[in-house]
Amino acid sequence: MHQCPTCGKELEDSVRFCPDDGTPLTDTAAAAGTRTPTGKRPASRELQLPVVVGQRYRLVELRGGGGMAKVYRGIDLTLEREVAVKLINPELRAEAEFDARFQREARIASQLADPHIVVVHDFGIDPEHGPFLVMEYLRGQSLRERLQSEGPLPLKAVLQLAGQLLLALIHAHDKGIVHRDIKPDNVFLLSQSGVRLHVRVLDFGIARIYRQDGPSSAETLTQPGAVLGTPRYMSPEQLAGQPIDARSDLYSAAVVIHEALTGQLPYVGGKKLSELCPEVPPALQELLDHCLRPNPRERPQSALEVYMRLNELGKASGVILLPPGALERLVASRQAEQPTVEYVPQSQVRTPSRRRWLIGAATAALVAVVPLAGWGLWVLLRKPAAPPAEESLLGIKIGDSRDVVIARMGQPPEEEHHGDPNPPAAGQVGARTVMGGSLGHVLTPADLGGEANLSRIEVLSWSDRQVSVVLLQGIVRAVVVRAPHPGESGRGVKVGHSDAHMKRVYSEEQPQVGTFALPVSTEKTSSRPRGGWGEFYRYDSLGIGFEVERERVTAITLYPRKEAEGSPSRTGD
């Protein structure tokens, strides 16, 4: 037996994920969970490098740190790659509930997947050194370091930086996550060549989940009324300890953009942005002033609105980088007469001597542009296809008859099996949690009607068992498609697609996740031994599950969908 570090529930040693809160229990993920004792705070001490944390990450160099954590350059001993490891300062663990809050915080950070947000690879609680986060190792410099070494950035570079910063906030805010500590130290510049640069936003570790309809009721990661962040960049409501939402991040982002342009904070010297940086257009100063209003209700209401206005100002990157669905939401907002972008074209003065040439050029441009504009308007206004009301696999649905299945497959089954497809091994005691064998790692006996019905099921197979259909009393109870068969779900996810694509297609659903062991290859022709761990994802509200090996979908399983309250717990193999 061992204990979940988040909820404290006693679990069997074979369980790898807590069925109540999803906390990973493996040695290399968020397991090795030690509860922090109450009482005297542990003394802070410098680590004698190198040192290994989480039985996997060797820390080799201290790169920086602050009051909450220290950041080390490390080596992932399993994948042999450089990583950044943030080790939480031990003084913060005196509170009994800190480790549980850390688990929630790390899980929130790991939800973010955007090109402009640092990637969180892993997290855990080392028995000796405490909680740690493992992130991608970035080479470059923070905006703070850039301002200190070279001074303010050119206008075009700042517009690029601002656009990418806003894209990161759009992604986080769409998931209900507020950063709460936007500052130059947390804006990292990966590469710089002229005005070209790539931005990553760091440290979503003090974010909290908020609700659009009531931020004050959201679950916080700090004590009530606590103020986290850097005061110079905080919004007035955050400084006052009041509930905050996405508009607080917009205030902080405007402060950072002003400092990137001028090298100083707004309002400090008593001069306007245009006086400190004459090349700044008046519209940019108006936008920043709008974001810096003390009352959050008077600021822009979303990061998307600010991003669109920035693009109207400069389009420094040459393209509009909008997240999926953003244009549709913007068009819907305009149709509802709730303008988010105000654009006034500048008047152009034409001299009489050029009038005839301009008329000819305009006519030619109109002939070329009208078809393109019509296509663009259709793209903007068309409604995305709605997902199917009922999931399917190879066109087969739960509840179909045997005759429908054979008609869909186009031929009789190559194999038929009656009875339990995966009988218990000799000496096995207790109920099985997964089916195994050709039915994979997603299905449970409960999906097939329970242990009592396993002797009554019928399994039809095609393509050397790459396709298996499970029938109970002649009615489809489950469908399993395995690689290399290119099976497709009702939403168009195929065997062979990346796990990132699968997660995007089913992003509105919350899956149950587990792991399973991959077989070790004994073939001499294999370049390296096959083994390690795969993952499975169950979307119980839809009745669809996926097996993933090395970031590729290798199997898709259709099973009876469950209501949210009745979803079975999954614990892994």
Protein backbone atom coordinates (compact mmCIF):
# COMPACT_ATOMS: atom_id res chain seq x y z
CA MET A 1 0.00 0.00 0.00
CA HIS A 2 1.09 3.60 -0.61
CA GLN A 3 -0.49 7.03 -0.18
CA CYS A 4 -1.54 9.63 -2.76
CA PRO A 5 0.49 12.80 -2.00
CA THR A 6 -2.45 15.03 -2.98
CA CYS A 7 -5.51 13.57 -1.25
CA GLY A 8 -3.84 11.11 1.15
CA LYS A 9 -5.89 8.12 -0.06
CA GLU A 10 -4.37 4.69 0.61
CA LEU A 11 -3.82 2.83 -2.70
CA GLU A 12 -2.46 -0.53 -3.81
CA ASP A 13 1.20 -0.66 -4.90
CA SER A 14 0.16 -1.50 -8.50
CA VAL A 15 -1.82 1.76 -8.86
CA ARG A 16 0.05 4.42 -10.86
CA PHE A 17 -2.55 7.21 -10.92
CA CYS A 18 -4.86 8.23 -8.07
CA PRO A 19 -8.44 7.45 -9.22
CA ASP A 20 -9.84 10.46 -7.31
CA ASP A 21 -7.61 13.34 -8.40
CA GLY A 22 -5.38 11.87 -11.16
CA THR A 23 -2.08 12.44 -9.31
CA PRO A 24 0.70 10.38 -10.97
CA LEU A 25 2.23 7.87 -8.53
CA THR A 26 5.28 6.73 -10.52
CA ASP A 27 8.81 7.42 -9.37
CA THR A 28 9.54 9.81 -12.23
CA ALA A 29 6.32 11.81 -12.35
CA ALA A 30 4.48 13.43 -9.51
CA ALA A 31 4.89 10.54 -7.17
CA ALA A 32 7.48 9.83 -4.50
CA GLY A 33 5.12 12.03 -2.56
CA THR A 34 6.28 12.84 0.92
CA ARG A 35 3.99 14.78 3.17
CA THR A 36 5.55 17.89 4.64
CA PRO A 37 5.45 17.81 8.44
CA THR A 38 4.15 20.80 10.32
CA GLY A 39 6.29 22.64 12.80
CA LYS A 40 9.70 24.23 12.47
CA ARG A 41 10.73 25.41 9.00
CA PRO A 42 13.60 23.52 7.42
CA ALA A 43 16.76 25.54 7.01
CA SER A 44 17.76 26.60 3.50
CA ARG A 45 21.06 25.18 2.31
CA GLU A 46 23.08 25.23 -0.86
CA LEU A 47 23.15 21.98 -2.80
CA GLN A 48 26.47 20.29 -3.41
CA LEU A 49 26.28 19.76 -7.17
CA PRO A 50 25.93 17.47 -8.99
CA VAL A 51 22.90 15.92 -7.30
CA VAL A 52 20.06 13.75 -8.65
CA VAL A 53 16.41 14.55 -7.91
CA GLY A 54 13.43 12.39 -8.73
CA GLN A 55 15.82 9.47 -9.43
CA ARG A 56 16.15 10.87 -12.95
CA TYR A 57 17.37 14.49 -13.17
CA ARG A 58 21.01 15.34 -12.38
CA LEU A 59 21.45 19.00 -11.41
CA VAL A 60 24.77 20.34 -12.67
CA GLU A 61 24.61 24.16 -12.53
CA LEU A 62 22.67 26.81 -10.62
CA ARG A 63 21.18 29.26 -13.15
CA GLY A 64 19.17 31.60 -10.93
CA GLY A 65 16.40 31.82 -8.39
CA GLY A 66 14.34 33.92 -6.05
CA GLY A 67 12.22 33.70 -2.97
CA MET A 68 10.14 30.76 -4.19
CA ALA A 69 12.60 28.50 -6.00
CA LYS A 70 16.02 28.01 -7.53
CA VAL A 71 16.52 27.02 -11.15
CA TYR A 72 19.23 24.58 -12.18
CA ARG A 73 20.53 23.34 -15.49
CA GLY A 74 20.10 19.59 -15.39
CA ILE A 75 20.42 16.40 -17.43
CA ASP A 76 17.52 14.01 -17.95
CA LEU A 77 19.32 10.71 -17.37
CA THR A 78 16.62 8.73 -19.20
CA LEU A 79 16.37 10.79 -22.41
CA GLU A 80 19.89 12.26 -22.19
CA ARG A 81 18.83 15.86 -22.82
CA GLU A 82 19.32 19.18 -21.08
CA VAL A 83 16.44 20.37 -18.92
CA ALA A 84 15.76 23.21 -16.51
CA VAL A 85 14.78 22.04 -13.02
CA LYS A 86 13.04 24.43 -10.64
CA LEU A 87 13.55 23.29 -7.05
CA ILE A 88 11.12 24.82 -4.55
CA ASN A 89 12.80 26.46 -1.56
CA PRO A 90 12.34 24.30 1.56
CA GLU A 91 11.16 27.27 3.69
CA LEU A 92 7.89 27.29 1.76
CA ARG A 93 7.05 23.71 2.78
CA ALA A 94 6.39 24.43 6.46
CA GLU A 95 2.66 24.60 5.80
CA ALA A 96 1.02 21.16 5.89
CA GLU A 97 -0.97 21.67 2.67
CA PHE A 98 1.89 23.06 0.58
CA ASP A 99 2.69 19.79 -1.20
CA ALA A 100 -0.94 19.34 -2.24
CA ARG A 101 -1.06 22.91 -3.59
CA PHE A 102 2.18 22.27 -5.45
CA GLN A 103 0.61 19.24 -7.15
CA ARG A 104 -2.30 21.39 -8.36
CA GLU A 105 0.05 24.19 -9.44
CA ALA A 106 2.25 21.85 -11.45
CA ARG A 107 -0.75 20.20 -13.06
CA ILE A 108 -2.04 23.62 -14.14
CA ALA A 109 1.32 24.53 -15.68
CA SER A 110 1.46 21.22 -17.56
CA GLN A 111 -1.91 21.99 -19.23
CA LEU A 112 -0.35 24.82 -21.24
CA ALA A 113 0.87 23.91 -24.72
CA ASP A 114 1.69 26.97 -26.81
CA PRO A 115 4.80 27.95 -28.83
CA HIS A 116 5.17 31.04 -26.65
CA ILE A 117 4.94 29.31 -23.24
CA VAL A 118 7.80 27.30 -21.71
CA VAL A 119 7.09 23.55 -21.81
CA VAL A 120 6.71 21.69 -18.49
CA HIS A 121 8.00 18.13 -19.02
CA ASP A 122 7.54 16.61 -15.56
CA PHE A 123 7.09 17.36 -11.87
CA GLY A 124 7.50 15.48 -8.63
CA ILE A 125 8.40 15.54 -4.96
CA ASP A 126 11.87 14.26 -4.15
CA PRO A 127 12.05 12.64 -0.68
CA GLU A 128 15.21 14.59 0.19
CA HIS A 129 15.05 17.80 -1.86
CA GLY A 130 11.31 18.42 -2.04
CA PRO A 131 9.03 19.55 -4.90
CA PHE A 132 10.51 20.17 -8.34
CA LEU A 133 9.35 21.16 -11.83
CA VAL A 134 11.16 19.98 -14.97
CA MET A 135 11.00 22.32 -17.98
CA GLU A 136 12.62 22.68 -21.37
CA TYR A 137 16.07 24.26 -21.20
CA LEU A 138 16.10 27.58 -23.06
CA ARG A 139 19.16 29.28 -24.53
CA GLY A 140 18.94 33.03 -24.78
CA GLN A 141 18.25 35.80 -22.29
CA SER A 142 15.36 37.31 -20.42
CA LEU A 143 13.94 40.67 -21.42
CA ARG A 144 15.35 42.02 -18.15
CA GLU A 145 18.87 40.92 -19.13
CA ARG A 146 18.44 42.38 -22.61
CA LEU A 147 17.32 45.77 -21.25
CA GLN A 148 20.21 45.86 -18.80
CA SER A 149 22.84 44.94 -21.39
CA GLU A 150 21.67 46.79 -24.51
CA GLY A 151 18.89 49.15 -23.49
CA PRO A 152 15.40 49.51 -25.02
CA LEU A 153 14.38 47.45 -28.06
CA PRO A 154 13.47 48.93 -31.48
CA LEU A 155 9.78 49.56 -32.10
CA LYS A 156 9.37 46.67 -34.57
CA ALA A 157 11.01 44.23 -32.16
CA VAL A 158 8.75 45.40 -29.33
CA LEU A 159 5.67 44.92 -31.50
CA GLN A 160 6.80 41.36 -32.23
CA LEU A 161 7.52 40.73 -28.56
CA ALA A 162 4.16 42.18 -27.53
CA GLY A 163 2.27 40.10 -30.09
CA GLN A 164 3.86 36.85 -28.92
CA LEU A 165 3.32 37.77 -25.26
CA LEU A 166 -0.37 38.35 -26.02
CA LEU A 167 -0.61 35.01 -27.87
CA ALA A 168 0.67 33.25 -24.75
CA LEU A 169 -1.91 35.05 -22.62
CA ILE A 170 -4.70 34.22 -25.10
CA HIS A 171 -3.86 30.52 -24.75
CA ALA A 172 -3.65 30.62 -20.94
CA HIS A 173 -6.77 32.75 -20.47
CA ASP A 174 -8.76 30.42 -22.73
CA LYS A 175 -7.95 27.67 -20.19
CA GLY A 176 -8.98 29.90 -17.27
CA ILE A 177 -5.40 30.52 -16.10
CA VAL A 178 -4.11 33.95 -15.04
CA HIS A 179 -0.33 34.38 -14.91
CA ARG A 180 -0.28 37.01 -12.10
CA ASP A 181 3.44 37.81 -12.47
CA ILE A 182 4.08 39.17 -15.98
CA LYS A 183 7.42 41.04 -15.82
CA PRO A 184 10.61 41.30 -17.92
CA ASP A 185 12.23 38.46 -15.92
CA ASN A 186 9.48 36.10 -17.11
CA VAL A 187 9.66 37.10 -20.79
CA PHE A 188 12.47 35.06 -22.40
CA LEU A 189 14.03 35.90 -25.78
CA LEU A 190 15.14 32.71 -27.51
CA SER A 191 16.80 34.18 -30.59
CA GLN A 192 17.53 37.63 -31.92
CA SER A 193 18.54 38.64 -35.43
CA GLY A 194 17.71 42.20 -36.32
CA VAL A 195 14.07 42.63 -35.37
CA ARG A 196 13.33 38.90 -35.50
CA LEU A 197 12.98 37.16 -32.15
CA HIS A 198 11.03 34.35 -30.51
CA VAL A 199 9.45 34.81 -27.09
CA ARG A 200 8.66 32.27 -24.37
CA VAL A 201 6.69 33.28 -21.26
CA LEU A 202 8.04 31.67 -18.08
CA ASP A 203 6.71 30.86 -14.63
CA PHE A 204 3.02 30.15 -14.74
CA GLY A 205 3.74 28.46 -11.41
CA ILE A 206 1.88 31.05 -9.32
CA ALA A 207 -1.14 31.14 -11.60
CA ARG A 208 -4.58 30.32 -10.31
CA ILE A 209 -7.66 29.00 -12.02
CA TYR A 210 -10.44 31.56 -12.16
CA ARG A 211 -14.04 31.40 -13.31
CA GLN A 212 -15.48 33.90 -15.72
CA ASP A 213 -18.68 34.19 -13.71
CA GLY A 214 -17.07 34.62 -10.32
CA PRO A 215 -13.32 34.93 -9.90
CA SER A 216 -13.69 35.37 -6.17
CA SER A 217 -15.07 31.85 -5.86
CA ALA A 218 -12.28 30.22 -7.84
CA GLU A 219 -9.87 27.80 -6.24
CA THR A 220 -6.74 29.70 -5.28
CA LEU A 221 -3.23 28.40 -4.83
CA THR A 222 -2.47 30.81 -2.01
CA GLN A 223 -4.01 31.82 1.27
CA PRO A 224 -7.06 34.13 0.95
CA GLY A 225 -5.98 37.72 0.47
CA ALA A 226 -2.36 36.83 -0.23
CA VAL A 227 -0.58 38.92 -2.84
CA LEU A 228 1.78 37.10 -5.20
CA GLY A 229 3.84 38.75 -7.89
CA THR A 230 6.18 41.71 -8.34
CA PRO A 231 4.61 44.95 -7.03
CA ARG A 232 6.03 47.24 -9.75
CA TYR A 233 4.14 45.30 -12.42
CA MET A 234 0.94 44.51 -10.51
CA SER A 235 -2.48 45.87 -11.36
CA PRO A 236 -4.14 48.05 -8.69
CA GLU A 237 -6.68 45.33 -7.86
CA GLN A 238 -3.92 42.75 -7.37
CA LEU A 239 -1.99 45.10 -5.07
CA ALA A 240 -5.17 45.57 -3.04
CA GLY A 241 -5.55 41.80 -2.64
CA GLN A 242 -8.83 41.78 -4.55
CA PRO A 243 -9.99 38.99 -6.90
CA ILE A 244 -8.30 39.29 -10.31
CA ASP A 245 -8.92 37.99 -13.80
CA ALA A 246 -7.36 38.20 -17.27
CA ARG A 247 -7.52 41.99 -17.29
CA SER A 248 -4.88 42.10 -14.54
CA ASP A 249 -2.42 40.34 -16.87
CA LEU A 250 -3.20 42.93 -19.57
CA TYR A 251 -2.22 45.72 -17.14
CA SER A 252 1.09 43.99 -16.34
CA ALA A 253 1.75 43.27 -20.03
CA ALA A 254 1.29 46.98 -20.86
CA VAL A 255 3.86 47.89 -18.19
CA VAL A 256 6.33 45.40 -19.70
CA ILE A 257 5.76 46.71 -23.25
CA HIS A 258 6.31 50.30 -22.07
CA GLU A 259 9.56 49.30 -20.35
CA ALA A 260 10.74 47.39 -23.43
CA LEU A 261 10.28 50.55 -25.52
CA THR A 262 11.73 53.09 -23.09
CA GLY A 263 13.78 51.25 -20.48
CA GLN A 264 11.62 52.65 -17.68
CA LEU A 265 8.23 52.07 -16.10
CA PRO A 266 5.24 54.23 -17.05
CA TYR A 267 4.45 57.29 -14.93
CA VAL A 268 7.87 57.20 -13.22
CA GLY A 269 9.46 60.17 -14.98
CA GLY A 270 6.28 62.15 -15.60
CA LYS A 271 6.69 61.90 -19.38
CA LYS A 272 4.41 60.28 -21.89
CA LEU A 273 5.48 57.37 -24.05
CA SER A 274 5.62 59.58 -27.15
CA GLU A 275 8.08 61.91 -25.42
CA LEU A 276 10.37 59.05 -24.39
CA CYS A 277 10.12 57.22 -27.74
CA PRO A 278 9.14 59.60 -30.59
CA GLU A 279 8.81 56.78 -33.15
CA VAL A 280 5.84 55.30 -31.25
CA PRO A 281 2.59 55.95 -33.13
CA PRO A 282 -0.20 57.67 -31.16
CA ALA A 283 -2.40 54.59 -31.52
CA LEU A 284 0.10 52.48 -29.56
CA GLN A 285 0.20 55.01 -26.73
CA GLU A 286 -3.61 55.00 -26.73
CA LEU A 287 -3.66 51.19 -26.51
CA LEU A 288 -1.19 51.06 -23.61
CA ASP A 289 -3.05 53.83 -21.78
CA HIS A 290 -6.24 51.82 -22.27
CA CYS A 291 -4.61 48.73 -20.70
CA LEU A 292 -3.18 50.78 -17.80
CA ARG A 293 -6.45 52.22 -16.57
CA PRO A 294 -6.88 51.64 -12.82
CA ASN A 295 -10.41 50.30 -13.17
CA PRO A 296 -10.33 46.84 -14.82
CA ARG A 297 -13.80 47.42 -16.31
CA GLU A 298 -12.36 50.29 -18.38
CA ARG A 299 -9.52 48.17 -19.86
CA PRO A 300 -9.76 45.91 -22.92
CA GLN A 301 -11.74 42.85 -21.93
CA SER A 302 -9.54 40.19 -23.53
CA ALA A 303 -5.99 39.51 -24.67
CA LEU A 304 -7.38 38.76 -28.14
CA GLU A 305 -8.67 42.32 -28.48
CA VAL A 306 -5.27 43.77 -27.52
CA TYR A 307 -3.50 41.41 -29.93
CA MET A 308 -5.72 42.41 -32.86
CA ARG A 309 -5.12 46.09 -32.17
CA LEU A 310 -1.35 45.46 -32.08
CA ASN A 311 -1.54 43.76 -35.47
CA GLU A 312 -3.43 46.71 -36.90
CA LEU A 313 -0.61 48.95 -35.64
CA GLY A 314 2.40 47.15 -37.00
CA LYS A 315 2.03 43.58 -38.24
CA ALA A 316 5.69 43.30 -37.31
CA SER A 317 5.84 39.55 -37.86
CA GLY A 318 4.27 39.78 -41.31
CA VAL A 319 1.43 37.36 -40.50
CA ILE A 320 -1.50 37.23 -38.11
CA LEU A 321 -0.90 34.39 -35.66
CA LEU A 322 -4.32 33.71 -34.20
CA PRO A 323 -5.17 30.67 -32.10
CA PRO A 324 -7.87 28.28 -33.38
CA GLY A 325 -11.35 29.81 -33.28
CA ALA A 326 -10.16 33.34 -32.54
CA LEU A 327 -11.30 34.83 -35.86
CA GLU A 328 -14.70 33.16 -35.51
CA ARG A 329 -15.13 34.67 -32.03
CA LEU A 330 -14.06 38.08 -33.31
CA VAL A 331 -16.53 37.95 -36.23
CA ALA A 332 -19.32 36.85 -33.87
CA SER A 333 -18.51 39.73 -31.54
CA ARG A 334 -18.73 42.23 -34.39
CA GLN A 335 -22.00 40.75 -35.62
CA ALA A 336 -23.41 41.16 -32.10
CA GLU A 337 -22.49 44.88 -32.29
CA GLN A 338 -19.86 44.53 -29.60
CA PRO A 339 -16.82 45.98 -31.36
CA THR A 340 -13.46 44.88 -30.02
CA VAL A 341 -11.25 46.61 -32.58
CA GLU A 342 -11.60 50.21 -33.68
CA TYR A 343 -9.76 50.94 -36.91
CA VAL A 344 -9.80 54.29 -38.70
CA PRO A 345 -7.89 54.29 -42.03
CA GLN A 346 -5.62 57.24 -42.69
CA SER A 347 -6.67 59.58 -45.47
CA GLN A 348 -4.51 59.54 -48.57
CA VAL A 349 -3.84 62.58 -50.74
CA ARG A 350 -3.57 61.91 -54.48
CA THR A 351 -2.12 64.46 -56.87
CA PRO A 352 -4.08 65.17 -60.11
CA SER A 353 -1.09 64.16 -62.26
CA ARG A 354 -1.28 60.58 -60.94
CA ARG A 355 -5.06 60.19 -61.08
CA ARG A 356 -5.25 58.28 -64.38
CA TRP A 357 -2.49 55.84 -63.35
CA LEU A 358 -4.13 55.26 -59.99
CA ILE A 359 -7.53 54.52 -61.58
CA GLY A 360 -5.97 51.89 -63.85
CA ALA A 361 -4.02 50.32 -61.03
CA ALA A 362 -7.08 50.22 -58.77
CA THR A 363 -9.16 48.55 -61.50
CA ALA A 364 -6.54 45.82 -62.05
CA ALA A 365 -6.20 45.27 -58.31
CA LEU A 366 -9.97 45.02 -57.91
CA VAL A 367 -10.21 42.33 -60.60
CA ALA A 368 -7.48 40.31 -58.86
CA VAL A 369 -8.64 40.82 -55.29
CA VAL A 370 -12.44 40.29 -55.54
CA PRO A 371 -12.27 36.46 -55.85
CA LEU A 372 -9.66 36.29 -53.07
CA ALA A 373 -11.74 38.55 -50.83
CA GLY A 374 -14.83 36.42 -51.42
CA TRP A 375 -12.92 33.31 -50.40
CA GLY A 376 -11.56 35.06 -47.30
CA LEU A 377 -15.05 36.23 -46.31
CA TRP A 378 -16.35 32.68 -46.68
CA VAL A 379 -13.51 31.39 -44.45
CA LEU A 380 -14.27 34.01 -41.78
CA LEU A 381 -18.03 33.54 -41.70
CA ARG A 382 -18.48 29.82 -42.28
CA LYS A 383 -19.44 27.80 -39.25
CA PRO A 384 -17.08 24.98 -38.22
CA ALA A 385 -18.49 21.50 -38.64
CA ALA A 386 -20.12 20.30 -35.43
CA PRO A 387 -18.70 17.09 -33.94
CA PRO A 388 -20.93 14.01 -34.34
CA ALA A 389 -23.57 13.57 -31.65
CA GLU A 390 -22.54 9.92 -31.25
CA GLU A 391 -19.00 8.58 -31.58
CA SER A 392 -18.17 5.81 -34.03
CA LEU A 393 -15.17 3.82 -35.23
CA LEU A 394 -14.85 2.64 -38.87
CA GLY A 395 -18.46 3.85 -39.20
CA ILE A 396 -19.58 1.32 -36.54
CA LYS A 397 -21.51 2.54 -33.50
CA ILE A 398 -22.28 1.02 -30.12
CA GLY A 399 -25.63 -0.79 -30.43
CA ASP A 400 -25.22 -1.80 -34.10
CA SER A 401 -26.15 -5.34 -35.03
CA ARG A 402 -23.83 -8.08 -36.32
CA ASP A 403 -25.25 -7.65 -39.85
CA VAL A 404 -24.49 -3.92 -39.82
CA VAL A 405 -20.89 -4.62 -38.72
CA ILE A 406 -20.29 -7.12 -41.55
CA ALA A 407 -21.81 -4.69 -44.05
CA ARG A 408 -19.52 -1.91 -42.83
CA MET A 409 -16.43 -4.14 -43.03
CA GLY A 410 -17.42 -5.39 -46.50
CA GLN A 411 -16.64 -9.04 -45.76
CA PRO A 412 -17.29 -11.74 -43.15
CA PRO A 413 -14.93 -11.88 -40.18
CA GLU A 414 -11.63 -13.72 -40.64
CA GLU A 415 -11.82 -15.05 -37.08
CA GLU A 416 -14.57 -15.56 -34.53
CA HIS A 417 -14.08 -16.18 -30.82
CA HIS A 418 -16.80 -17.00 -28.31
CA GLY A 419 -16.35 -16.46 -24.58
CA ASP A 420 -13.87 -14.50 -22.49
CA PRO A 421 -11.17 -13.18 -24.92
CA ASN A 422 -8.66 -12.77 -22.10
CA PRO A 423 -9.28 -15.49 -19.45
CA PRO A 424 -7.54 -15.08 -16.07
CA ALA A 425 -4.10 -16.59 -15.83
CA ALA A 426 -3.56 -19.58 -13.57
CA GLY A 427 -3.49 -18.51 -9.96
CA GLN A 428 -4.95 -15.04 -10.66
CA VAL A 429 -7.06 -13.77 -7.79
CA GLY A 430 -9.57 -10.91 -7.84
CA ALA A 431 -11.25 -8.92 -10.60
CA ARG A 432 -9.24 -7.72 -13.58
CA THR A 433 -9.07 -3.98 -14.30
CA VAL A 434 -8.26 -4.20 -18.04
CA MET A 435 -8.90 -6.71 -20.84
CA GLY A 436 -5.43 -6.97 -22.43
CA GLY A 437 -4.51 -9.10 -25.45
CA SER A 438 -5.91 -8.02 -28.82
CA LEU A 439 -8.45 -5.80 -27.03
CA GLY A 440 -5.69 -3.52 -25.75
CA HIS A 441 -5.33 -1.45 -22.60
CA VAL A 442 -8.45 0.75 -22.66
CA LEU A 443 -11.35 -1.66 -22.16
CA THR A 444 -12.44 -2.89 -18.74
CA PRO A 445 -14.76 -5.84 -18.00
CA ALA A 446 -17.36 -3.23 -16.95
CA ASP A 447 -17.34 -1.86 -20.51
CA LEU A 448 -18.41 -5.31 -21.74
CA GLY A 449 -21.22 -5.73 -19.21
CA GLY A 450 -19.22 -6.96 -16.22
CA GLU A 451 -17.29 -10.12 -15.33
CA ALA A 452 -20.50 -12.19 -15.36
CA ASN A 453 -21.08 -11.49 -19.07
CA LEU A 454 -17.56 -12.20 -20.35
CA SER A 455 -18.37 -15.85 -21.09
CA ARG A 456 -21.28 -14.73 -23.32
CA ILE A 457 -19.44 -12.28 -25.57
CA GLU A 458 -18.42 -12.85 -29.19
CA VAL A 459 -15.33 -11.30 -30.78
CA LEU A 460 -15.12 -10.83 -34.57
CA SER A 461 -11.68 -10.07 -36.04
CA TRP A 462 -10.35 -8.77 -39.37
CA SER A 463 -6.88 -7.95 -40.78
CA ASP A 464 -4.99 -10.34 -38.52
CA ARG A 465 -6.76 -9.01 -35.41
CA GLN A 466 -6.01 -5.38 -36.23
CA VAL A 467 -9.78 -4.84 -36.12
CA SER A 468 -11.82 -6.49 -33.34
CA VAL A 469 -15.56 -6.05 -32.74
CA VAL A 470 -17.04 -7.28 -29.45
CA LEU A 471 -20.71 -8.36 -29.50
CA LEU A 472 -22.95 -9.17 -26.56
CA GLN A 473 -26.15 -10.97 -27.57
CA GLY A 474 -25.51 -9.94 -31.18
CA ILE A 475 -25.19 -6.21 -30.40
CA VAL A 476 -21.93 -4.20 -30.65
CA ARG A 477 -20.42 -3.59 -27.23
CA ALA A 478 -16.92 -2.45 -28.26
CA VAL A 479 -14.68 -1.89 -31.31
CA VAL A 480 -10.86 -1.90 -31.24
CA VAL A 481 -8.61 -0.85 -34.15
CA ARG A 482 -4.84 -1.27 -33.79
CA ALA A 483 -1.83 -0.23 -35.87
CA PRO A 484 -0.98 -0.60 -38.71
CA HIS A 485 -4.68 -0.47 -39.70
CA PRO A 486 -5.61 3.19 -40.52
CA GLY A 487 -8.84 3.11 -38.52
CA GLU A 488 -10.66 6.41 -38.00
CA SER A 489 -12.92 7.72 -35.22
CA GLY A 490 -16.10 9.67 -35.85
CA ARG A 491 -14.17 12.92 -35.39
CA GLY A 492 -11.51 11.95 -37.91
CA VAL A 493 -8.65 10.87 -35.62
CA LYS A 494 -6.76 7.98 -37.22
CA VAL A 495 -4.32 5.37 -36.01
CA GLY A 496 -0.95 6.96 -36.71
CA HIS A 497 -1.94 10.53 -35.90
CA SER A 498 0.09 12.38 -33.26
CA ASP A 499 -1.18 12.49 -29.68
CA ALA A 500 -1.14 16.32 -29.91
CA HIS A 501 -3.62 16.18 -32.81
CA MET A 502 -5.83 13.75 -30.89
CA LYS A 503 -5.86 16.02 -27.83
CA ARG A 504 -6.77 19.06 -29.96
CA VAL A 505 -9.71 17.25 -31.57
CA TYR A 506 -11.05 16.18 -28.15
CA SER A 507 -9.90 19.30 -26.26
CA GLU A 508 -13.34 20.07 -24.80
CA GLU A 509 -13.39 16.74 -22.92
CA GLN A 510 -11.30 15.79 -19.87
CA PRO A 511 -9.79 12.30 -20.30
CA GLN A 512 -8.79 9.72 -17.75
CA VAL A 513 -5.12 8.90 -18.33
CA GLY A 514 -3.12 5.79 -17.48
CA THR A 515 0.06 3.99 -18.49
CA PHE A 516 1.01 0.52 -19.70
CA ALA A 517 4.33 -1.24 -20.24
CA LEU A 518 5.65 -1.58 -23.79
CA PRO A 519 7.17 -4.95 -24.75
CA VAL A 520 10.94 -5.20 -25.05
CA SER A 521 12.09 -6.13 -28.57
CA THR A 522 14.41 -9.13 -28.91
CA GLU A 523 14.96 -8.71 -32.66
CA LYS A 524 18.60 -8.33 -33.64
CA THR A 525 17.65 -5.94 -36.45
CA SER A 526 16.14 -3.44 -34.00
CA SER A 527 18.22 -0.26 -33.74
CA ARG A 528 17.38 0.04 -30.06
CA PRO A 529 15.33 -2.07 -27.64
CA ARG A 530 11.61 -1.46 -27.67
CA GLY A 531 10.26 -0.91 -24.21
CA GLY A 532 9.30 1.77 -21.74
CA TRP A 533 5.80 3.07 -21.13
CA GLY A 534 2.80 3.90 -23.28
CA GLU A 535 -0.24 5.93 -22.31
CA PHE A 536 -3.97 5.42 -22.73
CA TYR A 537 -6.69 8.10 -22.73
CA ARG A 538 -10.37 7.36 -21.96
CA TYR A 539 -13.00 9.96 -22.88
CA ASP A 540 -15.84 8.28 -20.97
CA SER A 541 -18.47 10.92 -21.77
CA LEU A 542 -17.96 10.10 -25.48
CA GLY A 543 -17.13 6.40 -25.21
CA ILE A 544 -13.81 6.65 -27.09
CA GLY A 545 -10.28 5.79 -25.96
CA PHE A 546 -6.76 5.94 -27.43
CA GLU A 547 -3.47 4.18 -26.85
CA VAL A 548 -0.34 6.26 -27.48
CA GLU A 549 3.20 5.00 -27.96
CA ARG A 550 6.05 7.43 -28.57
CA GLU A 551 3.63 10.32 -29.20
CA ARG A 552 1.64 8.42 -31.88
CA VAL A 553 -1.85 6.92 -31.67
CA THR A 554 -1.43 3.14 -32.00
CA ALA A 555 -4.96 2.00 -31.12
CA ILE A 556 -8.50 3.43 -30.93
CA THR A 557 -11.22 1.84 -28.80
CA LEU A 558 -14.99 2.47 -28.93
CA TYR A 559 -17.04 1.48 -25.88
CA PRO A 560 -20.36 2.44 -24.20
CA ARG A 561 -20.16 6.02 -23.04
CA LYS A 562 -20.72 6.83 -19.37
CA GLU A 563 -22.40 9.72 -17.62
CA ALA A 564 -19.99 12.07 -15.81
CA GLU A 565 -21.01 10.83 -12.35
CA GLY A 566 -20.84 7.18 -13.32
CA SER A 567 -17.44 7.02 -15.02
CA PRO A 568 -15.39 4.05 -13.81
CA SER A 569 -12.06 4.69 -12.11
CA ARG A 570 -8.98 3.78 -14.13
CA THR A 571 -5.75 2.88 -12.45
CA GLY A 572 -3.47 1.61 -15.22
CA ASP A 573 -2.15 -1.89 -15.85
